[in-house]
N, C-alpha and C. Protein backbone atom coordinates (compact mmCIF):
# COMPACT_ATOMS: atom_id res chain seq x y z
N MET A 1 -7.72 -1.02 -59.29
CA MET A 1 -8.12 -1.06 -60.68
C MET A 1 -7.90 0.30 -61.36
N LEU A 2 -8.15 1.33 -60.63
CA LEU A 2 -7.97 2.67 -61.16
C LEU A 2 -6.51 2.92 -61.47
N GLU A 3 -5.66 2.46 -60.62
CA GLU A 3 -4.22 2.62 -60.83
C GLU A 3 -3.77 1.85 -62.06
N GLU A 4 -4.35 0.68 -62.26
CA GLU A 4 -4.00 -0.13 -63.44
C GLU A 4 -4.38 0.61 -64.71
N LYS A 5 -5.54 1.22 -64.70
CA LYS A 5 -5.99 1.96 -65.89
C LYS A 5 -5.11 3.18 -66.13
N ASP A 6 -4.69 3.84 -65.05
CA ASP A 6 -3.76 4.98 -65.20
C ASP A 6 -2.44 4.52 -65.80
N LYS A 7 -1.96 3.40 -65.32
CA LYS A 7 -0.71 2.85 -65.86
C LYS A 7 -0.86 2.52 -67.33
N GLU A 8 -2.02 1.94 -67.67
CA GLU A 8 -2.30 1.60 -69.06
C GLU A 8 -2.30 2.85 -69.92
N LEU A 9 -2.92 3.90 -69.42
CA LEU A 9 -2.98 5.16 -70.16
C LEU A 9 -1.59 5.73 -70.36
N LYS A 10 -0.78 5.73 -69.32
CA LYS A 10 0.59 6.23 -69.42
C LYS A 10 1.40 5.39 -70.39
N LYS A 11 1.12 4.12 -70.36
CA LYS A 11 1.83 3.18 -71.25
C LYS A 11 1.54 3.53 -72.72
N PHE A 12 0.27 3.78 -72.99
CA PHE A 12 -0.11 4.13 -74.36
C PHE A 12 0.49 5.48 -74.77
N LYS A 13 0.52 6.38 -73.83
CA LYS A 13 1.06 7.71 -74.14
C LYS A 13 2.56 7.65 -74.38
N SER A 14 3.23 6.83 -73.61
CA SER A 14 4.69 6.80 -73.69
C SER A 14 5.23 5.92 -74.81
N ARG A 15 4.40 5.20 -75.44
CA ARG A 15 4.88 4.32 -76.53
C ARG A 15 5.43 5.15 -77.70
N LYS A 16 6.54 4.74 -78.16
CA LYS A 16 7.14 5.43 -79.28
C LYS A 16 6.73 4.81 -80.61
N GLU A 17 6.06 3.64 -80.49
CA GLU A 17 5.67 2.91 -81.67
C GLU A 17 4.53 3.60 -82.41
N ILE A 18 3.75 4.35 -81.65
CA ILE A 18 2.59 4.99 -82.27
C ILE A 18 3.07 6.19 -83.07
N LYS A 19 2.68 6.26 -84.25
CA LYS A 19 3.13 7.33 -85.15
C LYS A 19 2.20 8.51 -85.05
N GLU A 20 2.73 9.65 -85.49
CA GLU A 20 1.98 10.89 -85.42
C GLU A 20 0.79 10.86 -86.37
N ASP A 21 0.93 10.28 -87.51
CA ASP A 21 -0.16 10.26 -88.47
C ASP A 21 -1.26 9.31 -88.04
N ASP A 22 -0.94 8.49 -87.10
CA ASP A 22 -1.93 7.55 -86.56
C ASP A 22 -2.57 8.15 -85.30
N GLY A 23 -2.68 9.45 -85.23
CA GLY A 23 -3.19 10.19 -84.08
C GLY A 23 -4.63 9.89 -83.76
N SER A 24 -5.42 9.63 -84.80
CA SER A 24 -6.84 9.35 -84.54
C SER A 24 -7.01 8.05 -83.77
N GLN A 25 -6.15 7.06 -84.10
CA GLN A 25 -6.22 5.78 -83.38
C GLN A 25 -5.78 5.98 -81.92
N ARG A 26 -4.80 6.81 -81.76
CA ARG A 26 -4.31 7.10 -80.41
C ARG A 26 -5.39 7.80 -79.60
N GLU A 27 -6.03 8.77 -80.19
CA GLU A 27 -7.11 9.49 -79.50
C GLU A 27 -8.26 8.54 -79.15
N GLU A 28 -8.54 7.65 -80.08
CA GLU A 28 -9.60 6.68 -79.85
C GLU A 28 -9.25 5.77 -78.67
N THR A 29 -8.01 5.33 -78.60
CA THR A 29 -7.55 4.48 -77.51
C THR A 29 -7.61 5.24 -76.18
N VAL A 30 -7.16 6.49 -76.21
CA VAL A 30 -7.19 7.32 -75.00
C VAL A 30 -8.63 7.54 -74.57
N THR A 31 -9.51 7.81 -75.52
CA THR A 31 -10.92 8.04 -75.21
C THR A 31 -11.55 6.78 -74.61
N LYS A 32 -11.25 5.61 -75.19
CA LYS A 32 -11.77 4.36 -74.65
C LYS A 32 -11.26 4.13 -73.24
N THR A 33 -9.98 4.40 -73.04
CA THR A 33 -9.38 4.21 -71.72
C THR A 33 -10.02 5.15 -70.70
N GLU A 34 -10.24 6.39 -71.09
CA GLU A 34 -10.87 7.36 -70.18
C GLU A 34 -12.31 6.97 -69.87
N LYS A 35 -13.02 6.49 -70.90
CA LYS A 35 -14.41 6.07 -70.70
C LYS A 35 -14.47 4.88 -69.74
N SER A 36 -13.57 3.90 -69.97
CA SER A 36 -13.58 2.74 -69.07
C SER A 36 -13.17 3.16 -67.66
N ARG A 37 -12.27 4.13 -67.59
CA ARG A 37 -11.85 4.66 -66.26
C ARG A 37 -13.04 5.35 -65.59
N ASP A 38 -13.77 6.16 -66.32
CA ASP A 38 -14.94 6.85 -65.77
C ASP A 38 -16.01 5.85 -65.33
N LYS A 39 -16.19 4.81 -66.14
CA LYS A 39 -17.17 3.77 -65.79
C LYS A 39 -16.76 3.05 -64.52
N LEU A 40 -15.48 2.77 -64.40
CA LEU A 40 -14.97 2.11 -63.20
C LEU A 40 -15.16 3.01 -61.98
N ILE A 41 -14.91 4.29 -62.14
CA ILE A 41 -15.10 5.25 -61.04
C ILE A 41 -16.56 5.27 -60.61
N GLU A 42 -17.48 5.28 -61.56
CA GLU A 42 -18.91 5.27 -61.25
C GLU A 42 -19.29 3.99 -60.49
N GLN A 43 -18.75 2.86 -60.93
CA GLN A 43 -19.03 1.59 -60.25
C GLN A 43 -18.51 1.62 -58.82
N LEU A 44 -17.30 2.13 -58.65
CA LEU A 44 -16.72 2.22 -57.30
C LEU A 44 -17.53 3.17 -56.42
N GLU A 45 -17.96 4.30 -56.98
CA GLU A 45 -18.79 5.23 -56.21
C GLU A 45 -20.09 4.57 -55.80
N SER A 46 -20.68 3.80 -56.69
CA SER A 46 -21.92 3.09 -56.39
C SER A 46 -21.71 2.08 -55.25
N LYS A 47 -20.60 1.35 -55.34
CA LYS A 47 -20.29 0.39 -54.28
C LYS A 47 -20.04 1.09 -52.95
N ILE A 48 -19.35 2.21 -52.99
CA ILE A 48 -19.09 2.97 -51.76
C ILE A 48 -20.40 3.46 -51.15
N LYS A 49 -21.30 3.95 -52.00
CA LYS A 49 -22.60 4.43 -51.51
C LYS A 49 -23.38 3.28 -50.88
N MET A 50 -23.36 2.10 -51.54
CA MET A 50 -24.06 0.94 -51.01
C MET A 50 -23.46 0.51 -49.65
N MET A 51 -22.13 0.53 -49.57
CA MET A 51 -21.48 0.15 -48.31
C MET A 51 -21.79 1.15 -47.21
N ALA A 52 -21.87 2.42 -47.56
CA ALA A 52 -22.20 3.45 -46.57
C ALA A 52 -23.62 3.23 -46.03
N GLU A 53 -24.55 2.90 -46.92
CA GLU A 53 -25.93 2.63 -46.49
C GLU A 53 -25.98 1.40 -45.59
N GLU A 54 -25.21 0.38 -45.92
CA GLU A 54 -25.16 -0.82 -45.08
C GLU A 54 -24.56 -0.50 -43.72
N MET A 55 -23.54 0.35 -43.69
CA MET A 55 -22.93 0.74 -42.42
C MET A 55 -23.92 1.52 -41.56
N ILE A 56 -24.70 2.38 -42.19
CA ILE A 56 -25.70 3.17 -41.45
C ILE A 56 -26.75 2.25 -40.85
N SER A 57 -27.25 1.30 -41.66
CA SER A 57 -28.27 0.39 -41.13
C SER A 57 -27.69 -0.52 -40.05
N SER A 58 -26.44 -0.94 -40.21
CA SER A 58 -25.79 -1.77 -39.18
C SER A 58 -25.60 -0.98 -37.89
N THR A 59 -25.23 0.28 -38.02
CA THR A 59 -25.06 1.13 -36.84
C THR A 59 -26.38 1.31 -36.10
N LYS A 60 -27.46 1.54 -36.87
CA LYS A 60 -28.78 1.68 -36.24
C LYS A 60 -29.17 0.41 -35.51
N LEU A 61 -28.93 -0.73 -36.13
CA LEU A 61 -29.25 -2.01 -35.50
C LEU A 61 -28.44 -2.22 -34.23
N MET A 62 -27.16 -1.91 -34.29
CA MET A 62 -26.29 -2.06 -33.10
C MET A 62 -26.77 -1.13 -31.98
N ASN A 63 -27.14 0.09 -32.31
CA ASN A 63 -27.65 1.03 -31.30
C ASN A 63 -28.92 0.50 -30.66
N LYS A 64 -29.80 -0.08 -31.48
CA LYS A 64 -31.05 -0.64 -30.97
C LYS A 64 -30.77 -1.80 -30.03
N LEU A 65 -29.87 -2.70 -30.42
CA LEU A 65 -29.53 -3.84 -29.56
C LEU A 65 -28.89 -3.38 -28.26
N THR A 66 -28.03 -2.38 -28.34
CA THR A 66 -27.38 -1.85 -27.13
C THR A 66 -28.43 -1.25 -26.19
N ALA A 67 -29.39 -0.52 -26.74
CA ALA A 67 -30.45 0.07 -25.92
C ALA A 67 -31.28 -1.01 -25.25
N GLU A 68 -31.59 -2.08 -25.98
CA GLU A 68 -32.37 -3.18 -25.40
C GLU A 68 -31.60 -3.84 -24.26
N LYS A 69 -30.30 -4.05 -24.44
CA LYS A 69 -29.49 -4.66 -23.38
C LYS A 69 -29.44 -3.76 -22.15
N GLU A 70 -29.34 -2.46 -22.37
CA GLU A 70 -29.32 -1.52 -21.25
C GLU A 70 -30.64 -1.57 -20.48
N GLU A 71 -31.75 -1.69 -21.22
CA GLU A 71 -33.06 -1.79 -20.57
C GLU A 71 -33.15 -3.04 -19.71
N GLU A 72 -32.59 -4.15 -20.22
CA GLU A 72 -32.62 -5.41 -19.47
C GLU A 72 -31.82 -5.30 -18.19
N ARG A 73 -30.76 -4.50 -18.21
CA ARG A 73 -29.90 -4.34 -17.03
C ARG A 73 -30.49 -3.38 -16.00
N ASN A 74 -31.51 -2.62 -16.39
CA ASN A 74 -32.12 -1.64 -15.50
C ASN A 74 -32.86 -2.35 -14.37
N PRO A 75 -32.39 -2.23 -13.13
CA PRO A 75 -33.03 -2.95 -12.02
C PRO A 75 -34.39 -2.38 -11.64
N ARG A 76 -34.67 -1.16 -12.03
CA ARG A 76 -35.96 -0.55 -11.67
C ARG A 76 -37.09 -1.04 -12.55
N LYS A 77 -36.77 -1.54 -13.72
CA LYS A 77 -37.80 -2.00 -14.64
C LYS A 77 -38.09 -3.47 -14.36
N LEU A 78 -39.35 -3.75 -14.07
CA LEU A 78 -39.74 -5.13 -13.81
C LEU A 78 -39.83 -5.91 -15.11
N ARG A 79 -39.39 -7.12 -15.06
CA ARG A 79 -39.51 -7.97 -16.24
C ARG A 79 -40.91 -8.55 -16.28
N ILE A 80 -41.29 -9.07 -17.43
CA ILE A 80 -42.63 -9.63 -17.62
C ILE A 80 -42.86 -10.79 -16.66
N CYS A 81 -41.85 -11.65 -16.49
CA CYS A 81 -42.03 -12.80 -15.60
C CYS A 81 -42.22 -12.32 -14.16
N CYS A 82 -41.51 -11.26 -13.78
CA CYS A 82 -41.67 -10.73 -12.42
C CYS A 82 -43.08 -10.17 -12.22
N LYS A 83 -43.61 -9.53 -13.23
CA LYS A 83 -44.97 -9.00 -13.13
C LYS A 83 -45.97 -10.13 -12.98
N THR A 84 -45.75 -11.21 -13.71
CA THR A 84 -46.65 -12.36 -13.63
C THR A 84 -46.61 -12.96 -12.24
N VAL A 85 -45.41 -13.12 -11.70
CA VAL A 85 -45.25 -13.67 -10.35
C VAL A 85 -45.89 -12.73 -9.33
N GLU A 86 -45.70 -11.44 -9.53
CA GLU A 86 -46.27 -10.45 -8.61
C GLU A 86 -47.80 -10.52 -8.62
N LEU A 87 -48.39 -10.63 -9.80
CA LEU A 87 -49.85 -10.74 -9.89
C LEU A 87 -50.35 -12.03 -9.24
N ALA A 88 -49.64 -13.14 -9.46
CA ALA A 88 -50.04 -14.41 -8.85
C ALA A 88 -49.93 -14.33 -7.33
N LEU A 89 -48.89 -13.69 -6.83
CA LEU A 89 -48.71 -13.53 -5.39
C LEU A 89 -49.82 -12.66 -4.80
N LYS A 90 -50.19 -11.61 -5.50
CA LYS A 90 -51.26 -10.74 -5.02
C LYS A 90 -52.58 -11.52 -4.95
N ALA A 91 -52.87 -12.31 -5.99
CA ALA A 91 -54.10 -13.12 -6.02
C ALA A 91 -54.08 -14.14 -4.87
N SER A 92 -52.91 -14.75 -4.64
CA SER A 92 -52.79 -15.72 -3.54
C SER A 92 -53.01 -15.06 -2.19
N ASN A 93 -52.48 -13.88 -2.01
CA ASN A 93 -52.66 -13.16 -0.75
C ASN A 93 -54.14 -12.81 -0.52
N GLU A 94 -54.81 -12.40 -1.60
CA GLU A 94 -56.24 -12.09 -1.47
C GLU A 94 -57.03 -13.34 -1.10
N LYS A 95 -56.72 -14.46 -1.73
CA LYS A 95 -57.40 -15.73 -1.42
C LYS A 95 -57.11 -16.15 0.01
N CYS A 96 -55.87 -15.98 0.44
CA CYS A 96 -55.48 -16.33 1.81
C CYS A 96 -56.27 -15.48 2.82
N GLN A 97 -56.41 -14.18 2.52
CA GLN A 97 -57.17 -13.31 3.41
C GLN A 97 -58.64 -13.73 3.45
N GLU A 98 -59.18 -14.08 2.29
CA GLU A 98 -60.57 -14.53 2.23
C GLU A 98 -60.77 -15.81 3.06
N LEU A 99 -59.84 -16.75 2.93
CA LEU A 99 -59.93 -17.99 3.70
C LEU A 99 -59.76 -17.74 5.20
N SER A 100 -58.88 -16.80 5.55
CA SER A 100 -58.70 -16.45 6.97
C SER A 100 -59.99 -15.87 7.55
N ASP A 101 -60.64 -15.01 6.77
CA ASP A 101 -61.92 -14.43 7.22
C ASP A 101 -62.98 -15.51 7.40
N MET A 102 -63.02 -16.44 6.44
CA MET A 102 -63.98 -17.54 6.53
C MET A 102 -63.71 -18.41 7.76
N LEU A 103 -62.43 -18.66 8.03
CA LEU A 103 -62.05 -19.47 9.20
C LEU A 103 -62.44 -18.77 10.49
N GLN A 104 -62.21 -17.47 10.55
CA GLN A 104 -62.56 -16.72 11.75
C GLN A 104 -64.08 -16.76 11.99
N LYS A 105 -64.86 -16.60 10.92
CA LYS A 105 -66.32 -16.67 11.07
C LYS A 105 -66.76 -18.06 11.51
N ALA A 106 -66.12 -19.08 10.95
CA ALA A 106 -66.46 -20.46 11.34
C ALA A 106 -66.13 -20.71 12.80
N GLU A 107 -65.00 -20.17 13.26
CA GLU A 107 -64.63 -20.33 14.68
C GLU A 107 -65.63 -19.62 15.58
N GLU A 108 -66.06 -18.42 15.18
CA GLU A 108 -67.04 -17.69 15.99
C GLU A 108 -68.35 -18.46 16.06
N GLU A 109 -68.79 -18.98 14.90
CA GLU A 109 -70.04 -19.75 14.87
C GLU A 109 -69.91 -21.02 15.71
N SER A 110 -68.75 -21.65 15.64
CA SER A 110 -68.52 -22.86 16.43
C SER A 110 -68.55 -22.55 17.92
N CYS A 111 -67.98 -21.43 18.27
CA CYS A 111 -67.99 -21.02 19.69
C CYS A 111 -69.43 -20.77 20.15
N LEU A 112 -70.21 -20.08 19.30
CA LEU A 112 -71.60 -19.82 19.64
C LEU A 112 -72.40 -21.12 19.78
N LYS A 113 -72.16 -22.04 18.85
CA LYS A 113 -72.86 -23.32 18.92
C LYS A 113 -72.45 -24.08 20.18
N GLY A 114 -71.16 -24.01 20.51
CA GLY A 114 -70.69 -24.69 21.72
C GLY A 114 -71.34 -24.11 22.97
N GLN A 115 -71.44 -22.79 23.02
CA GLN A 115 -72.09 -22.17 24.17
C GLN A 115 -73.57 -22.55 24.23
N GLY A 116 -74.21 -22.57 23.05
CA GLY A 116 -75.62 -22.98 22.99
C GLY A 116 -75.79 -24.41 23.45
N ASN A 117 -74.91 -25.28 22.97
CA ASN A 117 -74.98 -26.69 23.37
C ASN A 117 -74.73 -26.85 24.87
N LEU A 118 -73.80 -26.10 25.40
CA LEU A 118 -73.54 -26.17 26.85
C LEU A 118 -74.77 -25.73 27.63
N GLY A 119 -75.39 -24.64 27.18
CA GLY A 119 -76.61 -24.17 27.85
C GLY A 119 -77.73 -25.20 27.75
N SER A 120 -77.85 -25.79 26.55
CA SER A 120 -78.88 -26.82 26.37
C SER A 120 -78.61 -28.02 27.27
N HIS A 121 -77.36 -28.40 27.38
CA HIS A 121 -76.98 -29.55 28.21
C HIS A 121 -77.28 -29.25 29.68
N GLN A 122 -76.95 -28.06 30.10
CA GLN A 122 -77.22 -27.69 31.50
C GLN A 122 -78.72 -27.69 31.77
N SER A 123 -79.50 -27.16 30.79
CA SER A 123 -80.95 -27.14 30.95
C SER A 123 -81.51 -28.55 31.00
N PHE A 124 -81.00 -29.38 30.11
CA PHE A 124 -81.46 -30.77 30.08
C PHE A 124 -81.11 -31.48 31.38
N SER A 125 -79.89 -31.21 31.87
CA SER A 125 -79.48 -31.83 33.14
C SER A 125 -80.37 -31.36 34.28
N SER A 126 -80.71 -30.08 34.28
CA SER A 126 -81.58 -29.54 35.33
C SER A 126 -82.96 -30.15 35.26
N LEU A 127 -83.49 -30.30 34.04
CA LEU A 127 -84.80 -30.91 33.88
C LEU A 127 -84.78 -32.37 34.31
N SER A 128 -83.70 -33.04 33.96
CA SER A 128 -83.60 -34.45 34.33
C SER A 128 -83.51 -34.61 35.84
N ALA A 129 -82.90 -33.67 36.50
CA ALA A 129 -82.76 -33.75 37.95
C ALA A 129 -84.00 -33.25 38.64
N GLY A 130 -84.96 -32.72 37.89
CA GLY A 130 -86.21 -32.27 38.47
C GLY A 130 -86.12 -30.89 39.06
N LYS A 131 -85.09 -30.14 38.69
CA LYS A 131 -84.93 -28.78 39.21
C LYS A 131 -85.69 -27.80 38.32
N ARG A 132 -85.92 -26.65 38.90
CA ARG A 132 -86.59 -25.61 38.12
C ARG A 132 -85.65 -25.13 37.02
N LEU A 133 -86.09 -24.91 35.73
CA LEU A 133 -85.28 -24.53 34.57
C LEU A 133 -84.90 -23.06 34.68
N ASN A 134 -83.60 -22.79 34.70
CA ASN A 134 -83.10 -21.42 34.82
C ASN A 134 -82.07 -21.19 33.70
N ILE A 135 -82.52 -20.67 32.55
CA ILE A 135 -81.64 -20.46 31.39
C ILE A 135 -81.14 -19.02 31.43
N PRO A 136 -79.81 -18.85 31.37
CA PRO A 136 -79.25 -17.48 31.39
C PRO A 136 -79.66 -16.71 30.13
N ASP A 137 -79.80 -15.41 30.24
CA ASP A 137 -80.24 -14.57 29.13
C ASP A 137 -79.26 -14.60 27.95
N ASP A 138 -77.96 -14.65 28.24
CA ASP A 138 -76.99 -14.65 27.14
C ASP A 138 -77.07 -15.94 26.32
N VAL A 139 -77.40 -17.05 26.93
CA VAL A 139 -77.55 -18.31 26.21
C VAL A 139 -78.78 -18.24 25.32
N VAL A 140 -79.86 -17.63 25.81
CA VAL A 140 -81.07 -17.48 25.01
C VAL A 140 -80.77 -16.61 23.79
N LEU A 141 -80.04 -15.53 24.01
CA LEU A 141 -79.68 -14.61 22.92
C LEU A 141 -78.79 -15.33 21.89
N ILE A 142 -77.83 -16.09 22.37
CA ILE A 142 -76.93 -16.84 21.48
C ILE A 142 -77.72 -17.85 20.66
N ALA A 143 -78.65 -18.53 21.28
CA ALA A 143 -79.45 -19.52 20.57
C ALA A 143 -80.30 -18.86 19.49
N LYS A 144 -80.88 -17.69 19.80
CA LYS A 144 -81.68 -16.98 18.81
C LYS A 144 -80.83 -16.52 17.63
N ASN A 145 -79.63 -15.99 17.92
CA ASN A 145 -78.71 -15.54 16.86
C ASN A 145 -78.28 -16.72 15.97
N LEU A 146 -77.98 -17.83 16.59
CA LEU A 146 -77.56 -19.01 15.86
C LEU A 146 -78.69 -19.49 14.95
N HIS A 147 -79.89 -19.52 15.49
CA HIS A 147 -81.05 -19.95 14.71
C HIS A 147 -81.27 -19.02 13.52
N ALA A 148 -81.09 -17.69 13.72
CA ALA A 148 -81.27 -16.71 12.65
C ALA A 148 -80.21 -16.89 11.57
N LYS A 149 -78.96 -17.16 11.97
CA LYS A 149 -77.89 -17.36 10.99
C LYS A 149 -78.14 -18.61 10.15
N GLU A 150 -78.58 -19.67 10.79
CA GLU A 150 -78.86 -20.91 10.05
C GLU A 150 -80.01 -20.70 9.07
N ARG A 151 -81.01 -19.94 9.47
CA ARG A 151 -82.13 -19.65 8.60
C ARG A 151 -81.68 -18.81 7.40
N ASN A 152 -80.79 -17.83 7.64
CA ASN A 152 -80.26 -17.00 6.55
C ASN A 152 -79.43 -17.84 5.57
N LYS A 153 -78.65 -18.77 6.09
CA LYS A 153 -77.87 -19.65 5.22
C LYS A 153 -78.76 -20.50 4.33
N GLU A 154 -79.83 -20.99 4.90
CA GLU A 154 -80.76 -21.82 4.12
C GLU A 154 -81.45 -20.98 3.06
N ASN A 155 -81.77 -19.74 3.37
CA ASN A 155 -82.42 -18.85 2.41
C ASN A 155 -81.47 -18.47 1.28
N ASP A 156 -80.17 -18.34 1.57
CA ASP A 156 -79.17 -17.98 0.56
C ASP A 156 -78.96 -19.13 -0.43
N ARG A 157 -79.18 -20.34 -0.01
CA ARG A 157 -78.96 -21.51 -0.88
C ARG A 157 -80.06 -21.57 -1.84
């Protein structure tokens, strides 16, 4: 557009039809052409400034997106889903350990009850056979411990 206006200006200047005494009209035409040229230059400068601002904001956005993609590719950084799975796995392991401890205690108590029952059975068999009752000390101790544990369980309830 600027080139067109320059051509127009040259065209007006080079015309032989315009007379010397009509100089004021010529100056007016030149002035109008220069003003429109200046206005066009200002508009183009404004558009260039706007485009430059858009390019800057686009560049910032592209840099931000690139940084985010680089973070996603970083193998050392755990993703949110991995953290969630890790927390769930930790909770499951803790629950598993708790259940294992409970199972071990139940097995120990079962063993103690079995030993107590065996001692009771032997005592009952001896009494039934009319023999003198001879209860081993460890069976008596086991029976007392078992009785104390059952009493504690009832008190906890």
